[in-house]
C-alpha atoms as a PDB file:
ATOM      1  CA  MET A   1      -2.256  14.771   8.869  1.00  0.00           C
ATOM      2  CA  ALA A   2      -0.473  15.065  12.188  1.00  0.00           C
ATOM      3  CA  ALA A   3       2.400  12.775  13.091  1.00  0.00           C
ATOM      4  CA  LEU A   4       1.406   9.589  14.870  1.00  0.00           C
ATOM      5  CA  TYR A   5       3.154   7.791  17.693  1.00  0.00           C
ATOM      6  CA  PHE A   6       3.390   4.019  18.139  1.00  0.00           C
ATOM      7  CA  GLU A   7       0.273   4.011  20.335  1.00  0.00           C
ATOM      8  CA  ASP A   8      -1.764   5.828  17.661  1.00  0.00           C
ATOM      9  CA  PHE A   9      -1.452   3.006  15.121  1.00  0.00           C
ATOM     10  CA  HIS A  10      -3.604  -0.140  15.068  1.00  0.00           C
ATOM     11  CA  LEU A  11      -3.415  -3.351  13.064  1.00  0.00           C
ATOM     12  CA  GLY A  12      -5.233  -3.096   9.748  1.00  0.00           C
ATOM     13  CA  GLN A  13      -5.219   0.705   9.724  1.00  0.00           C
ATOM     14  CA  GLU A  14      -4.859   1.997   6.149  1.00  0.00           C
ATOM     15  CA  PHE A  15      -3.412   5.157   4.687  1.00  0.00           C
ATOM     16  CA  VAL A  16      -3.715   6.204   1.035  1.00  0.00           C
ATOM     17  CA  THR A  17      -1.325   8.656  -0.605  1.00  0.00           C
ATOM     18  CA  LYS A  18      -2.036  11.113  -3.345  1.00  0.00           C
ATOM     19  CA  GLY A  19      -1.057  10.142  -6.880  1.00  0.00           C
ATOM     20  CA  ARG A  20       2.044  11.078  -8.835  1.00  0.00           C
ATOM     21  CA  THR A  21       2.512  10.827 -12.586  1.00  0.00           C
ATOM     22  CA  VAL A  22       5.787   9.286 -13.756  1.00  0.00           C
ATOM     23  CA  THR A  23       7.366  11.303 -16.564  1.00  0.00           C
ATOM     24  CA  GLU A  24      10.065  10.694 -19.138  1.00  0.00           C
ATOM     25  CA  ALA A  25      12.168  13.272 -17.273  1.00  0.00           C
ATOM     26  CA  ASP A  26      11.851  11.168 -14.093  1.00  0.00           C
ATOM     27  CA  ILE A  27      13.274   8.148 -15.914  1.00  0.00           C
ATOM     28  CA  VAL A  28      16.087  10.112 -17.563  1.00  0.00           C
ATOM     29  CA  ASN A  29      17.045  11.783 -14.279  1.00  0.00           C
ATOM     30  CA  PHE A  30      16.889   8.511 -12.335  1.00  0.00           C
ATOM     31  CA  ALA A  31      19.112   6.827 -14.949  1.00  0.00           C
ATOM     32  CA  ALA A  32      21.655   9.631 -14.573  1.00  0.00           C
ATOM     33  CA  LEU A  33      21.518   9.616 -10.769  1.00  0.00           C
ATOM     34  CA  SER A  34      21.719   5.840 -10.383  1.00  0.00           C
ATOM     35  CA  TRP A  35      23.968   5.123 -13.374  1.00  0.00           C
ATOM     36  CA  ASP A  36      21.399   2.495 -14.373  1.00  0.00           C
ATOM     37  CA  THR A  37      21.224   3.112 -18.114  1.00  0.00           C
ATOM     38  CA  ASN A  38      19.681  -0.235 -19.038  1.00  0.00           C
ATOM     39  CA  ALA A  39      18.257   0.035 -22.566  1.00  0.00           C
ATOM     40  CA  ILE A  40      14.739  -0.923 -21.426  1.00  0.00           C
ATOM     41  CA  HIS A  41      14.652   2.455 -19.674  1.00  0.00           C
ATOM     42  CA  THR A  42      16.725   4.625 -21.996  1.00  0.00           C
ATOM     43  CA  ASP A  43      16.510   3.339 -25.583  1.00  0.00           C
ATOM     44  CA  LEU A  44      13.143   3.710 -27.320  1.00  0.00           C
ATOM     45  CA  GLU A  45      14.024   1.478 -30.285  1.00  0.00           C
ATOM     46  CA  PHE A  46      15.312  -1.296 -28.031  1.00  0.00           C
ATOM     47  CA  ALA A  47      12.274  -1.000 -25.770  1.00  0.00           C
ATOM     48  CA  LYS A  48       9.878  -1.263 -28.734  1.00  0.00           C
ATOM     49  CA  GLN A  49      11.243  -4.778 -29.343  1.00  0.00           C
ATOM     50  CA  SER A  50      10.909  -5.783 -25.671  1.00  0.00           C
ATOM     51  CA  PRO A  51       7.943  -7.662 -24.199  1.00  0.00           C
ATOM     52  CA  PHE A  52       6.677  -4.289 -22.920  1.00  0.00           C
ATOM     53  CA  GLY A  53       6.774  -2.589 -26.334  1.00  0.00           C
ATOM     54  CA  GLU A  54       7.906   0.690 -24.832  1.00  0.00           C
ATOM     55  CA  ARG A  55      10.309   2.202 -22.322  1.00  0.00           C
ATOM     56  CA  ILE A  56       9.472   1.501 -18.708  1.00  0.00           C
ATOM     57  CA  ALA A  57      10.492   3.104 -15.439  1.00  0.00           C
ATOM     58  CA  HIS A  58      13.217   1.557 -13.312  1.00  0.00           C
ATOM     59  CA  GLY A  59      11.675  -0.699 -10.687  1.00  0.00           C
ATOM     60  CA  MET A  60      13.620   1.167  -8.024  1.00  0.00           C
ATOM     61  CA  LEU A  61      12.185   4.466  -9.265  1.00  0.00           C
ATOM     62  CA  GLY A  62       8.784   3.154  -8.210  1.00  0.00           C
ATOM     63  CA  VAL A  63      10.214   2.283  -4.793  1.00  0.00           C
ATOM     64  CA  VAL A  64      11.708   5.765  -4.398  1.00  0.00           C
ATOM     65  CA  ILE A  65       8.495   7.509  -5.483  1.00  0.00           C
ATOM     66  CA  HIS A  66       6.563   5.308  -3.037  1.00  0.00           C
ATOM     67  CA  SER A  67       8.890   6.474  -0.273  1.00  0.00           C
ATOM     68  CA  GLY A  68       8.254  10.119  -1.062  1.00  0.00           C
ATOM     69  CA  LEU A  69       4.490   9.667  -1.366  1.00  0.00           C
ATOM     70  CA  SER A  70       4.406   7.846   1.975  1.00  0.00           C
ATOM     71  CA  GLN A  71       6.490  10.580   3.604  1.00  0.00           C
ATOM     72  CA  MET A  72       4.084  13.222   2.304  1.00  0.00           C
ATOM     73  CA  LEU A  73       1.307  11.663   4.395  1.00  0.00           C
ATOM     74  CA  GLY A  74       3.049  13.254   7.400  1.00  0.00           C
ATOM     75  CA  ILE A  75       2.138  10.396   9.733  1.00  0.00           C
ATOM     76  CA  THR A  76       5.728   9.798  10.862  1.00  0.00           C
ATOM     77  CA  ASP A  77       7.081  13.358  10.747  1.00  0.00           C
ATOM     78  CA  GLY A  78       9.136  13.678  13.915  1.00  0.00           C
ATOM     79  CA  THR A  79       8.221  10.204  15.194  1.00  0.00           C
ATOM     80  CA  LEU A  80      10.156   7.993  12.754  1.00  0.00           C
ATOM     81  CA  LEU A  81      13.384   7.012  14.518  1.00  0.00           C
ATOM     82  CA  ALA A  82      14.903   4.562  12.032  1.00  0.00           C
ATOM     83  CA  PHE A  83      14.056   2.725   8.831  1.00  0.00           C
ATOM     84  CA  LEU A  84      14.950  -0.918   9.495  1.00  0.00           C
ATOM     85  CA  GLY A  85      14.285  -2.703   6.240  1.00  0.00           C
ATOM     86  CA  MET A  86      12.003  -3.758   3.448  1.00  0.00           C
ATOM     87  CA  THR A  87      11.007  -6.633   1.214  1.00  0.00           C
ATOM     88  CA  TRP A  88       9.712  -5.825  -2.266  1.00  0.00           C
ATOM     89  CA  LYS A  89       8.176  -7.416  -5.361  1.00  0.00           C
ATOM     90  CA  PHE A  90       7.636  -6.047  -8.852  1.00  0.00           C
ATOM     91  CA  HIS A  91       4.443  -7.264 -10.569  1.00  0.00           C
ATOM     92  CA  HIS A  92       3.889  -4.964 -13.560  1.00  0.00           C
ATOM     93  CA  PRO A  93       5.973  -2.237 -15.183  1.00  0.00           C
ATOM     94  CA  VAL A  94       5.448   1.426 -14.427  1.00  0.00           C
ATOM     95  CA  LYS A  95       5.239   3.244 -17.742  1.00  0.00           C
ATOM     96  CA  ILE A  96       5.768   6.839 -18.783  1.00  0.00           C
ATOM     97  CA  GLY A  97       2.516   8.655 -18.039  1.00  0.00           C
ATOM     98  CA  ASP A  98       1.343   6.241 -15.342  1.00  0.00           C
ATOM     99  CA  THR A  99      -0.042   7.862 -12.212  1.00  0.00           C
ATOM    100  CA  ILE A 100       0.743   5.797  -9.146  1.00  0.00           C
ATOM    101  CA  HIS A 101      -0.342   6.003  -5.537  1.00  0.00           C
ATOM    102  CA  VAL A 102       0.352   3.936  -2.420  1.00  0.00           C
ATOM    103  CA  VAL A 103      -2.020   2.099  -0.109  1.00  0.00           C
ATOM    104  CA  GLN A 104      -0.277   1.128   3.112  1.00  0.00           C
ATOM    105  CA  ARG A 105      -1.754  -1.010   5.863  1.00  0.00           C
ATOM    106  CA  VAL A 106      -0.352  -1.488   9.359  1.00  0.00           C
ATOM    107  CA  SER A 107       0.674  -5.163   9.444  1.00  0.00           C
ATOM    108  CA  GLU A 108       2.733  -5.389  12.637  1.00  0.00           C
ATOM    109  CA  LEU A 109       3.052  -3.465  15.883  1.00  0.00           C
ATOM    110  CA  ARG A 110       5.534  -4.762  18.409  1.00  0.00           C
ATOM    111  CA  GLU A 111       6.882  -3.331  21.611  1.00  0.00           C
ATOM    112  CA  THR A 112      10.642  -3.318  22.014  1.00  0.00           C
ATOM    113  CA  SER A 113      12.823  -3.654  25.090  1.00  0.00           C
ATOM    114  CA  LYS A 114      13.188   0.136  25.104  1.00  0.00           C
ATOM    115  CA  PRO A 115      10.122   1.979  26.411  1.00  0.00           C
ATOM    116  CA  ASP A 116      10.561   5.007  24.145  1.00  0.00           C
ATOM    117  CA  ARG A 117      10.049   3.155  20.834  1.00  0.00           C
ATOM    118  CA  GLY A 118       8.129   0.426  19.061  1.00  0.00           C
ATOM    119  CA  LEU A 119       8.373  -1.575  15.859  1.00  0.00           C
ATOM    120  CA  LEU A 120       5.916  -0.699  13.069  1.00  0.00           C
ATOM    121  CA  SER A 121       5.491  -2.545   9.761  1.00  0.00           C
ATOM    122  CA  PHE A 122       3.371  -1.598   6.766  1.00  0.00           C
ATOM    123  CA  GLU A 123       2.240  -3.822   3.913  1.00  0.00           C
ATOM    124  CA  LYS A 124       2.301  -1.568   0.868  1.00  0.00           C
ATOM    125  CA  ARG A 125       0.761  -1.648  -2.582  1.00  0.00           C
ATOM    126  CA  ILE A 126       1.684   0.699  -5.410  1.00  0.00           C
ATOM    127  CA  ILE A 127      -1.307   1.003  -7.728  1.00  0.00           C
ATOM    128  CA  ASN A 128      -1.511   2.685 -11.128  1.00  0.00           C
ATOM    129  CA  GLN A 129      -4.393   4.637 -12.651  1.00  0.00           C
ATOM    130  CA  ARG A 130      -5.778   1.427 -14.215  1.00  0.00           C
ATOM    131  CA  GLY A 131      -6.091  -0.175 -10.771  1.00  0.00           C
ATOM    132  CA  GLU A 132      -3.182  -2.560 -11.407  1.00  0.00           C
ATOM    133  CA  VAL A 133      -1.011  -3.383  -8.414  1.00  0.00           C
ATOM    134  CA  VAL A 134       2.430  -2.769  -9.901  1.00  0.00           C
ATOM    135  CA  GLN A 135       4.595  -3.286  -6.805  1.00  0.00           C
ATOM    136  CA  THR A 136       4.088  -4.645  -3.303  1.00  0.00           C
ATOM    137  CA  GLY A 137       6.235  -4.786  -0.241  1.00  0.00           C
ATOM    138  CA  THR A 138       6.657  -4.510   3.477  1.00  0.00           C
ATOM    139  CA  THR A 139       8.565  -1.784   5.280  1.00  0.00           C
ATOM    140  CA  THR A 140       9.631  -1.888   8.916  1.00  0.00           C
ATOM    141  CA  MET A 141      10.656   1.033  11.094  1.00  0.00           C
ATOM    142  CA  LEU A 142      11.201   2.162  14.648  1.00  0.00           C
ATOM    143  CA  ILE A 143       8.602   4.677  15.777  1.00  0.00           C
ATOM    144  CA  ALA A 144       8.634   6.854  18.881  1.00  0.00           C
ATOM    145  CA  ARG A 145       6.246   6.124  21.731  1.00  0.00           C
ATOM    146  CA  LYS A 146       4.439   8.822  23.646  1.00  0.00           C
ATOM    147  CA  LYS A 147       6.221  10.040  26.724  1.00  0.00           C
ATOM    148  CA  PRO A 148       4.431   8.918  29.883  1.00  0.00           C
ATOM    149  CA  ALA A 149       2.590  11.634  31.785  1.00  0.00           C
ATOM    150  CA  VAL A 150       4.456  12.780  34.860  1.00  0.00           C
END
């Protein structure tokens, strides 16, 4: 999909990413990268005794994968000026072997004092292959506006 400018978005517009399967290697690599070696992610025997009964992915790994999946849509390639913030909730664990995808809906469009940019917010849902919403959140960014015709 081609990159979109502020004017190309409309409230309620939805975009759906492709899916990505979370692997044991993803969890091991994320633990090494982040230094988050919590036993629920890294110790099978410990995790078996947890309420989940098995190792689960780091919550932030889901957030990071969501970011990559959203980027792969291509809708902000070259038009995203700045990532301003996010709010996030974790509803269910992401487990080894889960395939997750993102549904993102335009929830806010606001002009700014600068004519070359606008504020864009998405409400996002990360959904697994069982249809469970595992994480939700809102992201806000600055997006380029189209240059006026001369």
